[in-house]
N, C-alpha and C. Protein backbone atom coordinates (compact mmCIF):
# COMPACT_ATOMS: atom_id res chain seq x y z
N MET A 1 -67.18 30.01 -1.17
CA MET A 1 -66.34 31.20 -1.01
C MET A 1 -66.06 31.81 -2.38
N LYS A 2 -66.19 33.10 -2.49
CA LYS A 2 -65.97 33.80 -3.76
C LYS A 2 -64.47 33.97 -3.98
N LEU A 3 -63.95 33.40 -5.05
CA LEU A 3 -62.52 33.41 -5.28
C LEU A 3 -62.04 34.70 -5.91
N PHE A 4 -62.79 35.24 -6.88
CA PHE A 4 -62.44 36.52 -7.46
C PHE A 4 -63.70 37.22 -7.94
N LYS A 5 -63.59 38.50 -8.21
CA LYS A 5 -64.75 39.34 -8.47
C LYS A 5 -65.00 39.50 -9.96
N THR A 6 -65.99 38.85 -10.49
CA THR A 6 -66.27 38.96 -11.91
C THR A 6 -66.87 40.31 -12.27
N ASP A 7 -67.43 41.04 -11.30
CA ASP A 7 -68.03 42.33 -11.59
C ASP A 7 -66.99 43.43 -11.83
N LEU A 8 -65.70 43.09 -11.68
CA LEU A 8 -64.66 44.09 -11.92
C LEU A 8 -64.66 44.57 -13.36
N PHE A 9 -65.14 43.74 -14.28
CA PHE A 9 -65.11 44.11 -15.69
C PHE A 9 -65.90 45.38 -15.96
N SER A 10 -67.04 45.56 -15.30
CA SER A 10 -67.97 46.62 -15.67
C SER A 10 -67.60 48.00 -15.13
N GLU A 11 -67.20 48.09 -13.86
CA GLU A 11 -67.04 49.44 -13.31
C GLU A 11 -65.85 49.62 -12.39
N ASP A 12 -65.23 48.55 -11.93
CA ASP A 12 -64.17 48.70 -10.95
C ASP A 12 -62.77 48.75 -11.55
N VAL A 13 -62.61 48.46 -12.82
CA VAL A 13 -61.30 48.52 -13.45
C VAL A 13 -60.97 49.97 -13.78
N THR A 14 -59.80 50.41 -13.36
CA THR A 14 -59.39 51.80 -13.55
C THR A 14 -58.10 51.87 -14.36
N ASN A 15 -58.09 52.66 -15.44
CA ASN A 15 -56.86 52.92 -16.19
C ASN A 15 -56.10 54.03 -15.46
N LEU A 16 -54.91 53.71 -14.97
CA LEU A 16 -54.15 54.65 -14.17
C LEU A 16 -53.45 55.72 -15.00
N LEU A 17 -53.23 55.45 -16.28
CA LEU A 17 -52.46 56.38 -17.11
C LEU A 17 -53.37 57.37 -17.83
N PRO A 18 -52.97 58.63 -17.89
CA PRO A 18 -53.79 59.64 -18.57
C PRO A 18 -53.64 59.61 -20.08
N TYR A 19 -52.55 59.04 -20.59
CA TYR A 19 -52.30 58.99 -22.03
C TYR A 19 -51.12 58.05 -22.32
N ASP A 20 -50.93 57.73 -23.60
CA ASP A 20 -49.78 56.97 -24.11
C ASP A 20 -49.63 55.58 -23.50
N GLY A 21 -50.72 54.96 -23.11
CA GLY A 21 -50.64 53.61 -22.58
C GLY A 21 -51.86 53.27 -21.75
N VAL A 22 -51.96 52.01 -21.38
CA VAL A 22 -53.08 51.54 -20.57
C VAL A 22 -52.55 50.68 -19.42
N VAL A 23 -52.88 51.08 -18.21
CA VAL A 23 -52.57 50.27 -17.02
C VAL A 23 -53.86 50.11 -16.25
N ASP A 24 -54.47 48.95 -16.36
CA ASP A 24 -55.73 48.66 -15.69
C ASP A 24 -55.46 48.12 -14.28
N TYR A 25 -56.05 48.77 -13.29
CA TYR A 25 -55.92 48.29 -11.92
C TYR A 25 -57.24 47.71 -11.47
N TYR A 26 -57.24 46.43 -11.14
CA TYR A 26 -58.45 45.71 -10.75
C TYR A 26 -58.68 45.72 -9.25
N GLY A 27 -57.69 46.15 -8.48
CA GLY A 27 -57.80 46.04 -7.04
C GLY A 27 -57.66 44.59 -6.60
N LYS A 28 -58.20 44.27 -5.44
CA LYS A 28 -58.10 42.91 -4.92
C LYS A 28 -59.01 41.97 -5.71
N ILE A 29 -58.43 40.92 -6.27
CA ILE A 29 -59.23 39.93 -7.00
C ILE A 29 -59.34 38.62 -6.22
N LEU A 30 -58.67 38.54 -5.07
CA LEU A 30 -58.70 37.36 -4.22
C LEU A 30 -59.18 37.75 -2.82
N THR A 31 -59.81 36.82 -2.14
CA THR A 31 -60.19 37.05 -0.76
C THR A 31 -58.94 37.11 0.11
N GLN A 32 -59.07 37.62 1.30
CA GLN A 32 -57.93 37.73 2.20
C GLN A 32 -57.34 36.36 2.52
N SER A 33 -58.20 35.37 2.74
CA SER A 33 -57.72 34.02 3.06
C SER A 33 -57.00 33.39 1.88
N GLU A 34 -57.52 33.61 0.66
CA GLU A 34 -56.85 33.07 -0.52
C GLU A 34 -55.50 33.75 -0.74
N SER A 35 -55.46 35.06 -0.53
CA SER A 35 -54.20 35.79 -0.68
C SER A 35 -53.15 35.28 0.29
N GLN A 36 -53.57 35.05 1.54
CA GLN A 36 -52.65 34.54 2.55
C GLN A 36 -52.15 33.14 2.19
N LYS A 37 -53.05 32.32 1.69
CA LYS A 37 -52.68 30.96 1.31
C LYS A 37 -51.62 30.97 0.21
N TYR A 38 -51.86 31.73 -0.84
CA TYR A 38 -50.91 31.78 -1.95
C TYR A 38 -49.60 32.44 -1.52
N TYR A 39 -49.69 33.45 -0.69
CA TYR A 39 -48.48 34.13 -0.20
C TYR A 39 -47.54 33.15 0.50
N HIS A 40 -48.07 32.35 1.40
CA HIS A 40 -47.24 31.40 2.14
C HIS A 40 -46.73 30.27 1.24
N GLN A 41 -47.55 29.83 0.30
CA GLN A 41 -47.10 28.80 -0.64
C GLN A 41 -45.94 29.31 -1.49
N LEU A 42 -46.09 30.53 -2.00
CA LEU A 42 -45.05 31.10 -2.86
C LEU A 42 -43.79 31.43 -2.08
N LEU A 43 -43.94 31.86 -0.84
CA LEU A 43 -42.80 32.21 -0.01
C LEU A 43 -41.90 30.99 0.23
N GLN A 44 -42.50 29.79 0.24
CA GLN A 44 -41.75 28.57 0.47
C GLN A 44 -41.20 27.95 -0.81
N ASN A 45 -41.36 28.64 -1.92
CA ASN A 45 -40.85 28.17 -3.20
C ASN A 45 -39.34 27.91 -3.12
N PRO A 46 -38.89 26.68 -3.38
CA PRO A 46 -37.45 26.38 -3.25
C PRO A 46 -36.61 26.89 -4.40
N TYR A 47 -37.22 27.48 -5.42
CA TYR A 47 -36.49 27.89 -6.61
C TYR A 47 -36.06 29.36 -6.60
N TRP A 48 -36.36 30.08 -5.53
CA TRP A 48 -35.93 31.47 -5.46
C TRP A 48 -34.41 31.57 -5.54
N HIS A 49 -33.91 32.54 -6.29
CA HIS A 49 -32.47 32.78 -6.36
C HIS A 49 -32.21 34.25 -6.67
N HIS A 50 -31.02 34.72 -6.35
CA HIS A 50 -30.65 36.10 -6.63
C HIS A 50 -30.39 36.27 -8.12
N ALA A 51 -30.74 37.44 -8.63
CA ALA A 51 -30.52 37.74 -10.05
C ALA A 51 -29.13 38.33 -10.25
N ASN A 52 -28.47 37.93 -11.32
CA ASN A 52 -27.17 38.49 -11.68
C ASN A 52 -27.35 39.47 -12.83
N LEU A 53 -26.94 40.70 -12.63
CA LEU A 53 -27.09 41.74 -13.65
C LEU A 53 -25.73 42.32 -14.01
N ILE A 54 -25.56 42.69 -15.27
CA ILE A 54 -24.35 43.38 -15.71
C ILE A 54 -24.68 44.85 -15.88
N MET A 55 -24.07 45.69 -15.05
CA MET A 55 -24.28 47.13 -15.13
C MET A 55 -22.93 47.83 -15.15
N TYR A 56 -22.73 48.66 -16.19
CA TYR A 56 -21.46 49.37 -16.35
C TYR A 56 -20.28 48.40 -16.33
N GLU A 57 -20.48 47.27 -17.02
CA GLU A 57 -19.45 46.23 -17.17
C GLU A 57 -19.07 45.59 -15.85
N LYS A 58 -19.95 45.68 -14.85
CA LYS A 58 -19.71 45.03 -13.57
C LYS A 58 -20.85 44.07 -13.24
N LEU A 59 -20.52 42.94 -12.62
CA LEU A 59 -21.52 41.97 -12.19
C LEU A 59 -22.14 42.42 -10.88
N ILE A 60 -23.47 42.55 -10.87
CA ILE A 60 -24.19 42.94 -9.67
C ILE A 60 -25.19 41.85 -9.30
N VAL A 61 -25.16 41.42 -8.05
CA VAL A 61 -26.10 40.42 -7.55
C VAL A 61 -27.18 41.15 -6.76
N THR A 62 -28.43 41.00 -7.19
CA THR A 62 -29.53 41.73 -6.55
C THR A 62 -29.85 41.17 -5.16
N LYS A 63 -30.37 42.06 -4.29
CA LYS A 63 -30.83 41.61 -2.98
C LYS A 63 -32.14 40.84 -3.10
N ARG A 64 -33.02 41.32 -3.99
CA ARG A 64 -34.27 40.61 -4.21
C ARG A 64 -33.99 39.27 -4.88
N LYS A 65 -34.93 38.36 -4.76
CA LYS A 65 -34.80 37.07 -5.41
C LYS A 65 -35.84 36.93 -6.52
N ILE A 66 -35.54 36.07 -7.48
CA ILE A 66 -36.42 35.90 -8.63
C ILE A 66 -36.62 34.42 -8.92
N ALA A 67 -37.58 34.15 -9.81
CA ALA A 67 -37.79 32.79 -10.34
C ALA A 67 -38.58 32.92 -11.64
N TRP A 68 -38.32 32.04 -12.59
CA TRP A 68 -39.01 32.01 -13.89
C TRP A 68 -39.77 30.70 -14.02
N PHE A 69 -41.03 30.76 -14.42
CA PHE A 69 -41.81 29.56 -14.71
C PHE A 69 -42.49 29.74 -16.06
N GLY A 70 -42.74 28.61 -16.75
CA GLY A 70 -43.38 28.75 -18.04
C GLY A 70 -43.70 27.44 -18.71
N ASP A 71 -44.25 27.54 -19.92
CA ASP A 71 -44.61 26.36 -20.71
C ASP A 71 -43.37 25.54 -21.04
N ASP A 72 -43.57 24.27 -21.33
CA ASP A 72 -42.47 23.34 -21.55
C ASP A 72 -41.51 23.80 -22.64
N LYS A 73 -42.03 24.39 -23.72
CA LYS A 73 -41.17 24.72 -24.85
C LYS A 73 -40.20 25.86 -24.55
N TYR A 74 -40.37 26.53 -23.40
CA TYR A 74 -39.46 27.62 -23.05
C TYR A 74 -38.46 27.24 -21.98
N THR A 75 -38.56 26.02 -21.43
CA THR A 75 -37.71 25.65 -20.30
C THR A 75 -36.24 25.61 -20.69
N ALA A 76 -35.94 25.27 -21.93
CA ALA A 76 -34.53 25.19 -22.35
C ALA A 76 -34.00 26.54 -22.81
N THR A 77 -34.78 27.23 -23.64
CA THR A 77 -34.27 28.47 -24.24
C THR A 77 -34.31 29.66 -23.29
N HIS A 78 -35.23 29.68 -22.36
CA HIS A 78 -35.36 30.83 -21.48
C HIS A 78 -35.18 30.47 -20.01
N SER A 79 -34.68 29.27 -19.73
CA SER A 79 -34.38 28.85 -18.36
C SER A 79 -35.58 28.94 -17.44
N THR A 80 -36.77 28.64 -17.97
CA THR A 80 -37.96 28.65 -17.13
C THR A 80 -38.16 27.28 -16.49
N LEU A 81 -38.85 27.29 -15.36
CA LEU A 81 -39.18 26.06 -14.64
C LEU A 81 -40.61 25.65 -14.98
N PRO A 82 -40.95 24.36 -14.83
CA PRO A 82 -42.33 23.92 -15.09
C PRO A 82 -43.31 24.57 -14.11
N TRP A 83 -44.51 24.84 -14.58
CA TRP A 83 -45.54 25.46 -13.75
C TRP A 83 -45.81 24.64 -12.48
N THR A 84 -46.03 25.31 -11.37
CA THR A 84 -46.49 24.66 -10.15
C THR A 84 -48.02 24.73 -10.12
N ASP A 85 -48.63 23.95 -9.25
CA ASP A 85 -50.10 23.93 -9.17
C ASP A 85 -50.66 25.30 -8.80
N GLU A 86 -50.01 25.98 -7.83
CA GLU A 86 -50.55 27.28 -7.41
C GLU A 86 -50.39 28.35 -8.50
N LEU A 87 -49.30 28.27 -9.26
CA LEU A 87 -49.12 29.23 -10.34
C LEU A 87 -50.11 28.99 -11.48
N LEU A 88 -50.40 27.74 -11.76
CA LEU A 88 -51.40 27.43 -12.79
C LEU A 88 -52.79 27.92 -12.37
N ALA A 89 -53.10 27.76 -11.09
CA ALA A 89 -54.40 28.23 -10.59
C ALA A 89 -54.51 29.75 -10.70
N LEU A 90 -53.43 30.45 -10.36
CA LEU A 90 -53.44 31.91 -10.45
C LEU A 90 -53.43 32.37 -11.90
N LYS A 91 -52.73 31.66 -12.75
CA LYS A 91 -52.71 32.00 -14.18
C LYS A 91 -54.10 31.90 -14.77
N LYS A 92 -54.85 30.89 -14.38
CA LYS A 92 -56.21 30.72 -14.89
C LYS A 92 -57.09 31.89 -14.48
N ILE A 93 -56.98 32.33 -13.23
CA ILE A 93 -57.78 33.46 -12.74
C ILE A 93 -57.42 34.72 -13.51
N VAL A 94 -56.13 34.98 -13.67
CA VAL A 94 -55.67 36.19 -14.35
C VAL A 94 -56.10 36.17 -15.82
N GLU A 95 -56.01 35.01 -16.46
CA GLU A 95 -56.41 34.91 -17.86
C GLU A 95 -57.91 35.13 -18.05
N GLU A 96 -58.71 34.66 -17.10
CA GLU A 96 -60.16 34.86 -17.19
C GLU A 96 -60.53 36.33 -17.05
N LEU A 97 -59.82 37.05 -16.18
CA LEU A 97 -60.10 38.46 -16.00
C LEU A 97 -59.55 39.33 -17.13
N SER A 98 -58.38 38.98 -17.62
CA SER A 98 -57.72 39.80 -18.63
C SER A 98 -58.11 39.45 -20.06
N LEU A 99 -58.74 38.26 -20.24
CA LEU A 99 -59.06 37.74 -21.58
C LEU A 99 -57.80 37.63 -22.43
N LYS A 100 -56.70 37.24 -21.78
CA LYS A 100 -55.40 37.14 -22.44
C LYS A 100 -54.72 35.85 -21.98
N LYS A 101 -54.02 35.17 -22.89
CA LYS A 101 -53.28 33.96 -22.55
C LYS A 101 -51.82 34.29 -22.28
N PHE A 102 -51.25 33.63 -21.28
CA PHE A 102 -49.85 33.85 -20.92
C PHE A 102 -49.11 32.52 -20.92
N ASN A 103 -47.83 32.55 -21.32
CA ASN A 103 -47.05 31.32 -21.37
C ASN A 103 -45.85 31.30 -20.43
N CYS A 104 -45.68 32.35 -19.65
CA CYS A 104 -44.60 32.35 -18.66
C CYS A 104 -44.93 33.31 -17.52
N CYS A 105 -44.18 33.18 -16.44
CA CYS A 105 -44.40 34.03 -15.27
C CYS A 105 -43.05 34.33 -14.62
N PHE A 106 -42.77 35.60 -14.42
CA PHE A 106 -41.55 36.05 -13.76
C PHE A 106 -41.91 36.48 -12.35
N LEU A 107 -41.25 35.89 -11.34
CA LEU A 107 -41.57 36.15 -9.95
C LEU A 107 -40.47 36.96 -9.28
N ASN A 108 -40.86 37.91 -8.44
CA ASN A 108 -39.93 38.69 -7.64
C ASN A 108 -40.27 38.53 -6.17
N LEU A 109 -39.24 38.40 -5.33
CA LEU A 109 -39.40 38.34 -3.88
C LEU A 109 -38.58 39.48 -3.27
N TYR A 110 -39.31 40.46 -2.72
CA TYR A 110 -38.67 41.57 -2.01
C TYR A 110 -38.81 41.29 -0.51
N HIS A 111 -37.69 41.07 0.17
CA HIS A 111 -37.73 40.64 1.56
C HIS A 111 -38.26 41.73 2.49
N ASN A 112 -38.03 42.99 2.15
CA ASN A 112 -38.52 44.12 2.94
C ASN A 112 -38.45 45.38 2.08
N GLY A 113 -38.76 46.52 2.69
CA GLY A 113 -38.80 47.76 1.94
C GLY A 113 -37.45 48.28 1.49
N LEU A 114 -36.36 47.71 2.00
CA LEU A 114 -35.03 48.13 1.56
C LEU A 114 -34.69 47.55 0.19
N GLU A 115 -35.53 46.65 -0.29
CA GLU A 115 -35.34 46.07 -1.62
C GLU A 115 -36.41 46.62 -2.56
N GLY A 116 -36.01 47.07 -3.71
CA GLY A 116 -36.93 47.61 -4.69
C GLY A 116 -36.38 47.39 -6.08
N ILE A 117 -36.91 48.11 -7.04
CA ILE A 117 -36.38 48.03 -8.40
C ILE A 117 -36.52 49.41 -9.05
N GLY A 118 -35.48 49.82 -9.74
CA GLY A 118 -35.43 51.16 -10.33
C GLY A 118 -36.28 51.28 -11.59
N TRP A 119 -36.26 52.48 -12.17
CA TRP A 119 -37.04 52.76 -13.37
C TRP A 119 -36.61 51.87 -14.53
N HIS A 120 -37.58 51.26 -15.19
CA HIS A 120 -37.30 50.40 -16.34
C HIS A 120 -38.58 50.17 -17.13
N SER A 121 -38.43 49.62 -18.32
CA SER A 121 -39.57 49.18 -19.13
C SER A 121 -39.38 47.71 -19.49
N ASP A 122 -40.47 46.99 -19.55
CA ASP A 122 -40.41 45.59 -19.99
C ASP A 122 -40.62 45.57 -21.50
N ASP A 123 -39.59 46.00 -22.21
CA ASP A 123 -39.70 46.16 -23.66
C ASP A 123 -38.77 45.23 -24.43
N GLU A 124 -38.46 44.06 -23.83
CA GLU A 124 -37.61 43.10 -24.51
C GLU A 124 -38.26 42.60 -25.79
N GLU A 125 -37.44 42.31 -26.77
CA GLU A 125 -37.94 41.89 -28.08
C GLU A 125 -38.79 40.63 -28.00
N ILE A 126 -38.46 39.73 -27.07
CA ILE A 126 -39.18 38.46 -26.98
C ILE A 126 -40.63 38.64 -26.52
N LEU A 127 -40.97 39.83 -26.01
CA LEU A 127 -42.33 40.09 -25.56
C LEU A 127 -43.20 40.74 -26.62
N GLY A 128 -42.62 41.10 -27.77
CA GLY A 128 -43.39 41.73 -28.83
C GLY A 128 -43.46 43.24 -28.66
N PRO A 129 -44.06 43.94 -29.63
CA PRO A 129 -44.05 45.41 -29.63
C PRO A 129 -44.96 46.06 -28.58
N ASN A 130 -46.08 45.47 -28.26
CA ASN A 130 -47.02 46.03 -27.29
C ASN A 130 -47.45 44.94 -26.31
N PRO A 131 -46.56 44.53 -25.42
CA PRO A 131 -46.86 43.39 -24.56
C PRO A 131 -47.92 43.69 -23.50
N THR A 132 -48.67 42.64 -23.17
CA THR A 132 -49.58 42.70 -22.03
C THR A 132 -48.92 41.96 -20.87
N ILE A 133 -48.76 42.64 -19.74
CA ILE A 133 -48.11 42.06 -18.57
C ILE A 133 -49.05 42.20 -17.38
N ALA A 134 -49.41 41.07 -16.80
CA ALA A 134 -50.33 41.05 -15.66
C ALA A 134 -49.54 40.86 -14.38
N SER A 135 -49.67 41.81 -13.47
CA SER A 135 -48.90 41.82 -12.23
C SER A 135 -49.81 41.53 -11.03
N LEU A 136 -49.50 40.45 -10.32
CA LEU A 136 -50.28 40.03 -9.16
C LEU A 136 -49.40 40.16 -7.93
N SER A 137 -49.91 40.82 -6.89
CA SER A 137 -49.12 41.11 -5.70
C SER A 137 -49.60 40.35 -4.48
N PHE A 138 -48.64 39.94 -3.64
CA PHE A 138 -48.96 39.27 -2.37
C PHE A 138 -48.04 39.79 -1.28
N GLY A 139 -48.57 39.85 -0.06
CA GLY A 139 -47.75 40.26 1.07
C GLY A 139 -47.84 41.75 1.35
N ALA A 140 -46.71 42.35 1.64
CA ALA A 140 -46.66 43.76 2.04
C ALA A 140 -47.19 44.68 0.95
N GLU A 141 -47.95 45.68 1.34
CA GLU A 141 -48.41 46.68 0.39
C GLU A 141 -47.25 47.60 0.05
N ARG A 142 -47.05 47.86 -1.23
CA ARG A 142 -45.94 48.70 -1.67
C ARG A 142 -46.40 49.74 -2.69
N LYS A 143 -45.72 50.87 -2.70
CA LYS A 143 -45.98 51.88 -3.72
C LYS A 143 -45.36 51.43 -5.04
N PHE A 144 -46.11 51.60 -6.14
CA PHE A 144 -45.65 51.25 -7.48
C PHE A 144 -45.82 52.50 -8.33
N CYS A 145 -44.79 52.86 -9.10
CA CYS A 145 -44.79 54.14 -9.79
C CYS A 145 -44.56 54.00 -11.29
N PHE A 146 -45.15 54.93 -12.04
CA PHE A 146 -44.93 55.05 -13.47
C PHE A 146 -44.39 56.44 -13.77
N LYS A 147 -43.45 56.52 -14.72
CA LYS A 147 -42.89 57.81 -15.13
C LYS A 147 -42.85 57.88 -16.66
N HIS A 148 -43.45 58.93 -17.21
CA HIS A 148 -43.48 59.10 -18.66
C HIS A 148 -42.07 59.38 -19.17
N LYS A 149 -41.71 58.74 -20.27
CA LYS A 149 -40.34 58.83 -20.77
C LYS A 149 -39.99 60.21 -21.32
N ILE A 150 -40.98 61.00 -21.72
CA ILE A 150 -40.70 62.32 -22.30
C ILE A 150 -40.94 63.45 -21.31
N ASN A 151 -42.15 63.54 -20.76
CA ASN A 151 -42.45 64.68 -19.89
C ASN A 151 -42.22 64.41 -18.40
N GLN A 152 -41.79 63.19 -18.07
CA GLN A 152 -41.41 62.82 -16.69
C GLN A 152 -42.58 62.82 -15.70
N LYS A 153 -43.81 62.88 -16.19
CA LYS A 153 -44.97 62.83 -15.29
C LYS A 153 -44.96 61.51 -14.52
N ILE A 154 -45.25 61.56 -13.23
CA ILE A 154 -45.22 60.37 -12.38
C ILE A 154 -46.63 60.05 -11.86
N ILE A 155 -46.98 58.79 -11.97
CA ILE A 155 -48.24 58.25 -11.44
C ILE A 155 -47.89 57.18 -10.42
N SER A 156 -48.50 57.22 -9.24
CA SER A 156 -48.19 56.25 -8.19
C SER A 156 -49.46 55.58 -7.68
N ILE A 157 -49.30 54.36 -7.20
CA ILE A 157 -50.41 53.62 -6.62
C ILE A 157 -49.87 52.67 -5.56
N ILE A 158 -50.66 52.40 -4.53
CA ILE A 158 -50.31 51.40 -3.52
C ILE A 158 -50.93 50.06 -3.95
N LEU A 159 -50.09 49.07 -4.17
CA LEU A 159 -50.57 47.76 -4.59
C LEU A 159 -50.87 46.91 -3.36
N GLU A 160 -52.11 46.47 -3.26
CA GLU A 160 -52.55 45.68 -2.12
C GLU A 160 -52.25 44.20 -2.33
N SER A 161 -52.24 43.45 -1.26
CA SER A 161 -52.06 42.01 -1.35
C SER A 161 -53.29 41.39 -2.00
N GLY A 162 -53.06 40.56 -3.03
CA GLY A 162 -54.16 39.95 -3.75
C GLY A 162 -54.69 40.80 -4.88
N SER A 163 -53.99 41.89 -5.21
CA SER A 163 -54.47 42.81 -6.25
C SER A 163 -53.83 42.50 -7.61
N LEU A 164 -54.54 42.90 -8.65
CA LEU A 164 -54.09 42.67 -10.03
C LEU A 164 -53.95 43.99 -10.76
N LEU A 165 -52.81 44.18 -11.42
CA LEU A 165 -52.55 45.33 -12.27
C LEU A 165 -52.08 44.82 -13.62
N ILE A 166 -52.65 45.35 -14.69
CA ILE A 166 -52.29 44.88 -16.03
C ILE A 166 -51.81 46.05 -16.89
N MET A 167 -50.58 45.93 -17.38
CA MET A 167 -50.00 46.92 -18.29
C MET A 167 -50.16 46.41 -19.72
N LYS A 168 -50.62 47.27 -20.62
CA LYS A 168 -50.82 46.83 -22.00
C LYS A 168 -50.76 48.01 -22.95
N GLY A 169 -51.00 47.71 -24.24
CA GLY A 169 -50.94 48.76 -25.25
C GLY A 169 -49.53 49.32 -25.39
N ALA A 170 -49.42 50.64 -25.49
CA ALA A 170 -48.13 51.31 -25.70
C ALA A 170 -47.42 51.65 -24.40
N THR A 171 -47.85 51.08 -23.30
CA THR A 171 -47.30 51.43 -21.98
C THR A 171 -45.78 51.28 -21.93
N GLN A 172 -45.25 50.14 -22.38
CA GLN A 172 -43.81 49.89 -22.26
C GLN A 172 -42.99 50.81 -23.15
N ARG A 173 -43.58 51.29 -24.24
CA ARG A 173 -42.87 52.19 -25.14
C ARG A 173 -42.80 53.62 -24.59
N ASN A 174 -43.79 53.99 -23.80
CA ASN A 174 -43.90 55.39 -23.38
C ASN A 174 -43.69 55.65 -21.90
N TRP A 175 -43.74 54.60 -21.10
CA TRP A 175 -43.64 54.78 -19.64
C TRP A 175 -42.59 53.85 -19.04
N LEU A 176 -41.92 54.34 -18.01
CA LEU A 176 -41.07 53.52 -17.15
C LEU A 176 -41.88 53.16 -15.91
N HIS A 177 -41.51 52.11 -15.23
CA HIS A 177 -42.14 51.78 -13.95
C HIS A 177 -41.10 51.28 -12.96
N GLY A 178 -41.41 51.38 -11.69
CA GLY A 178 -40.46 50.96 -10.67
C GLY A 178 -41.11 50.81 -9.31
N LEU A 179 -40.39 50.14 -8.43
CA LEU A 179 -40.85 49.91 -7.05
C LEU A 179 -39.87 50.61 -6.11
N PRO A 180 -40.22 51.79 -5.61
CA PRO A 180 -39.28 52.53 -4.74
C PRO A 180 -39.08 51.85 -3.39
N LYS A 181 -37.93 52.09 -2.81
CA LYS A 181 -37.62 51.53 -1.51
C LYS A 181 -38.32 52.32 -0.40
N SER A 182 -38.52 51.65 0.74
CA SER A 182 -39.14 52.30 1.90
C SER A 182 -38.66 51.62 3.18
N LYS A 183 -38.07 52.41 4.07
CA LYS A 183 -37.58 51.86 5.33
C LYS A 183 -38.71 51.42 6.25
N LYS A 184 -39.93 51.86 5.96
CA LYS A 184 -41.07 51.55 6.82
C LYS A 184 -41.60 50.12 6.59
N ILE A 185 -41.27 49.54 5.45
CA ILE A 185 -41.79 48.20 5.12
C ILE A 185 -40.84 47.15 5.68
N MET A 186 -41.35 46.30 6.57
CA MET A 186 -40.51 45.32 7.26
C MET A 186 -40.78 43.88 6.82
N THR A 187 -41.83 43.66 6.05
CA THR A 187 -42.22 42.30 5.68
C THR A 187 -42.10 42.08 4.17
N PRO A 188 -42.08 40.83 3.72
CA PRO A 188 -41.86 40.52 2.30
C PRO A 188 -43.05 40.86 1.40
N ARG A 189 -42.73 41.11 0.14
CA ARG A 189 -43.73 41.24 -0.92
C ARG A 189 -43.33 40.30 -2.05
N ILE A 190 -44.32 39.59 -2.57
CA ILE A 190 -44.10 38.71 -3.73
C ILE A 190 -44.91 39.26 -4.89
N ASN A 191 -44.26 39.36 -6.03
CA ASN A 191 -44.88 39.89 -7.24
C ASN A 191 -44.78 38.87 -8.36
N LEU A 192 -45.92 38.54 -8.95
CA LEU A 192 -45.97 37.62 -10.10
C LEU A 192 -46.30 38.43 -11.35
N THR A 193 -45.48 38.34 -12.38
CA THR A 193 -45.79 39.02 -13.63
C THR A 193 -45.96 37.98 -14.73
N PHE A 194 -47.21 37.82 -15.13
CA PHE A 194 -47.54 36.88 -16.21
C PHE A 194 -47.29 37.56 -17.54
N ARG A 195 -46.61 36.85 -18.45
CA ARG A 195 -46.22 37.42 -19.73
C ARG A 195 -46.43 36.42 -20.84
N GLU A 196 -46.36 36.90 -22.08
CA GLU A 196 -46.39 36.02 -23.25
C GLU A 196 -45.10 36.23 -24.05
N ILE A 197 -44.30 35.19 -24.14
CA ILE A 197 -43.12 35.22 -25.00
C ILE A 197 -43.58 34.93 -26.42
N VAL A 198 -43.28 35.83 -27.34
CA VAL A 198 -43.75 35.68 -28.71
C VAL A 198 -42.66 35.25 -29.68
N ASN A 199 -41.39 35.44 -29.31
CA ASN A 199 -40.26 35.02 -30.15
C ASN A 199 -39.51 33.88 -29.47
């Protein structure tokens, strides 16, 4: 069984952004059966928990759930959990396609379309000045959007289950991204974002 498509390198990778950044969309890199397998394994992850955010000096508990996994040296300083077998397998696939090494993974669980995430950039100092972030999606197909920070141009794409999207270069400095809500989506979506902590 073909696990992922090595021919994506030559002609199937598409940069979604017209300027000021690079977002490569690989499409589906896993077979339907593999996507389903990982989706159900990840859905049963016992480490899912709600995120606590401080906004306007108020504590907000998100509806979506999150989890952090990573290399041993980050478990204390960044509250990451040790890698699971399925995450290591997926990390290997993503690293082979992206030609990039990652040392942590941030997971999001959106239970349905009423859960999303607003405009933001992954521009934290610990990720370095031009971070590469590989986003792997499972479950419900959802619209994912980019908005330029200056001219407000919006680029949208539907992320399929088993698909890979990689943000790199100046993307985080020049573009915001977000997952809009949709009442039509009734099933969960799981998103894995592989990252490299540099500080």
